[in-house]
C-alpha atoms as a PDB file:
ATOM      1  CA  MET A   1     305.466 149.641 117.136  1.00  0.00           C
ATOM      2  CA  GLU A   2     301.843 149.450 118.283  1.00  0.00           C
ATOM      3  CA  GLN A   3     299.958 146.338 117.209  1.00  0.00           C
ATOM      4  CA  GLN A   4     296.749 147.011 115.285  1.00  0.00           C
ATOM      5  CA  PRO A   5     293.509 145.527 116.576  1.00  0.00           C
ATOM      6  CA  ALA A   6     292.227 142.430 114.808  1.00  0.00           C
ATOM      7  CA  ILE A   7     288.632 141.536 113.984  1.00  0.00           C
ATOM      8  CA  ALA A   8     287.454 138.011 113.223  1.00  0.00           C
ATOM      9  CA  PHE A   9     285.215 137.435 110.202  1.00  0.00           C
ATOM     10  CA  THR A  10     283.796 134.359 108.491  1.00  0.00           C
ATOM     11  CA  ALA A  11     285.568 133.332 105.285  1.00  0.00           C
ATOM     12  CA  VAL A  12     283.777 130.922 102.951  1.00  0.00           C
ATOM     13  CA  PHE A  13     285.644 128.847 100.363  1.00  0.00           C
ATOM     14  CA  LEU A  14     283.803 127.189  97.489  1.00  0.00           C
ATOM     15  CA  LYS A  15     285.725 124.549  95.554  1.00  0.00           C
ATOM     16  CA  ASN A  16     285.298 124.528  91.781  1.00  0.00           C
ATOM     17  CA  GLU A  17     287.134 123.067  88.792  1.00  0.00           C
ATOM     18  CA  HIS A  18     289.679 125.944  88.779  1.00  0.00           C
ATOM     19  CA  GLY A  19     290.420 126.030  92.518  1.00  0.00           C
ATOM     20  CA  TYR A  20     288.520 128.035  95.138  1.00  0.00           C
ATOM     21  CA  VAL A  21     286.243 131.053  95.144  1.00  0.00           C
ATOM     22  CA  SER A  22     286.136 132.818  98.489  1.00  0.00           C
ATOM     23  CA  PHE A  23     284.212 135.583 100.200  1.00  0.00           C
ATOM     24  CA  VAL A  24     283.733 137.143 103.617  1.00  0.00           C
ATOM     25  CA  GLU A  25     280.177 136.710 104.894  1.00  0.00           C
ATOM     26  CA  GLU A  26     280.185 139.947 106.891  1.00  0.00           C
ATOM     27  CA  LEU A  27     281.895 142.191 104.297  1.00  0.00           C
ATOM     28  CA  PRO A  28     279.902 142.689 101.103  1.00  0.00           C
ATOM     29  CA  GLY A  29     282.106 142.884  98.030  1.00  0.00           C
ATOM     30  CA  VAL A  30     285.123 141.217  99.619  1.00  0.00           C
ATOM     31  CA  ASN A  31     285.553 138.121  97.478  1.00  0.00           C
ATOM     32  CA  SER A  32     288.475 136.505  95.734  1.00  0.00           C
ATOM     33  CA  GLN A  33     289.775 133.271  94.289  1.00  0.00           C
ATOM     34  CA  GLY A  34     292.858 131.069  94.145  1.00  0.00           C
ATOM     35  CA  ARG A  35     294.153 127.826  92.706  1.00  0.00           C
ATOM     36  CA  THR A  36     294.518 126.435  96.233  1.00  0.00           C
ATOM     37  CA  ILE A  37     292.651 127.193  99.451  1.00  0.00           C
ATOM     38  CA  ASP A  38     295.845 128.760 100.850  1.00  0.00           C
ATOM     39  CA  GLU A  39     296.124 131.047  97.819  1.00  0.00           C
ATOM     40  CA  ALA A  40     292.432 131.960  98.045  1.00  0.00           C
ATOM     41  CA  ARG A  41     292.834 132.702 101.767  1.00  0.00           C
ATOM     42  CA  ALA A  42     295.887 134.900 101.168  1.00  0.00           C
ATOM     43  CA  ASN A  43     294.142 136.779  98.351  1.00  0.00           C
ATOM     44  CA  LEU A  44     291.045 137.293 100.497  1.00  0.00           C
ATOM     45  CA  THR A  45     293.136 138.594 103.402  1.00  0.00           C
ATOM     46  CA  ARG A  46     294.957 141.074 101.160  1.00  0.00           C
ATOM     47  CA  LEU A  47     291.700 142.288  99.635  1.00  0.00           C
ATOM     48  CA  ALA A  48     290.080 142.809 103.049  1.00  0.00           C
ATOM     49  CA  GLU A  49     293.132 144.825 104.151  1.00  0.00           C
ATOM     50  CA  VAL A  50     292.907 146.968 100.987  1.00  0.00           C
ATOM     51  CA  VAL A  51     289.191 147.602 101.581  1.00  0.00           C
ATOM     52  CA  PHE A  52     289.748 148.645 105.196  1.00  0.00           C
ATOM     53  CA  ASP A  53     292.655 150.898 104.204  1.00  0.00           C
ATOM     54  CA  ALA A  54     290.635 152.547 101.402  1.00  0.00           C
ATOM     55  CA  GLU A  55     287.668 153.149 103.717  1.00  0.00           C
ATOM     56  CA  ARG A  56     289.918 154.641 106.390  1.00  0.00           C
ATOM     57  CA  THR A  57     291.531 156.976 103.842  1.00  0.00           C
ATOM     58  CA  CYS A  58     288.134 158.051 102.510  1.00  0.00           C
ATOM     59  CA  CYS A  59     286.902 158.795 106.039  1.00  0.00           C
ATOM     60  CA  GLU A  60     290.032 160.754 106.912  1.00  0.00           C
ATOM     61  CA  GLU A  61     289.553 162.930 103.828  1.00  0.00           C
ATOM     62  CA  LEU A  62     285.841 163.418 104.509  1.00  0.00           C
ATOM     63  CA  LEU A  63     286.380 164.315 108.158  1.00  0.00           C
ATOM     64  CA  ALA A  64     289.500 166.470 107.796  1.00  0.00           C
ATOM     65  CA  ASP A  65     289.275 169.615 109.920  1.00  0.00           C
ATOM     66  CA  LYS A  66     285.883 168.560 111.337  1.00  0.00           C
ATOM     67  CA  ASP A  67     284.973 168.289 115.020  1.00  0.00           C
ATOM     68  CA  VAL A  68     284.253 164.558 115.410  1.00  0.00           C
ATOM     69  CA  VAL A  69     284.035 161.961 118.159  1.00  0.00           C
ATOM     70  CA  ARG A  70     285.524 158.534 117.489  1.00  0.00           C
ATOM     71  CA  GLU A  71     284.879 155.524 119.664  1.00  0.00           C
ATOM     72  CA  GLN A  72     284.979 151.769 119.406  1.00  0.00           C
ATOM     73  CA  PHE A  73     281.762 149.842 119.638  1.00  0.00           C
ATOM     74  CA  ARG A  74     280.808 146.193 119.654  1.00  0.00           C
ATOM     75  CA  VAL A  75     278.056 144.487 117.716  1.00  0.00           C
ATOM     76  CA  ALA A  76     276.823 140.981 118.458  1.00  0.00           C
ATOM     77  CA  VAL A  77     276.654 139.020 115.225  1.00  0.00           C
ATOM     78  CA  PRO A  78     273.948 136.359 115.348  1.00  0.00           C
ATOM     79  CA  ARG A  79     274.883 132.892 114.159  1.00  0.00           C
ATOM     80  CA  ALA A  80     272.531 131.010 111.888  1.00  0.00           C
END
């Protein structure tokens, strides 16, 4: 089985009275929560995977039977 490529993102975890709220800096709308940081991390990972899968499915439907070129590209992400 071919291993899928992995991309590194920045996860942020904010502690509050109920546990942790988390989000991915580079992916708008990908945010979650958990009672522990491990639970918040796992929830955030699952949500990011769902978002990527949904976007891929949407693109496949949009581009079905179209003549397209696909290629990988790299973007330098500046650090604050």
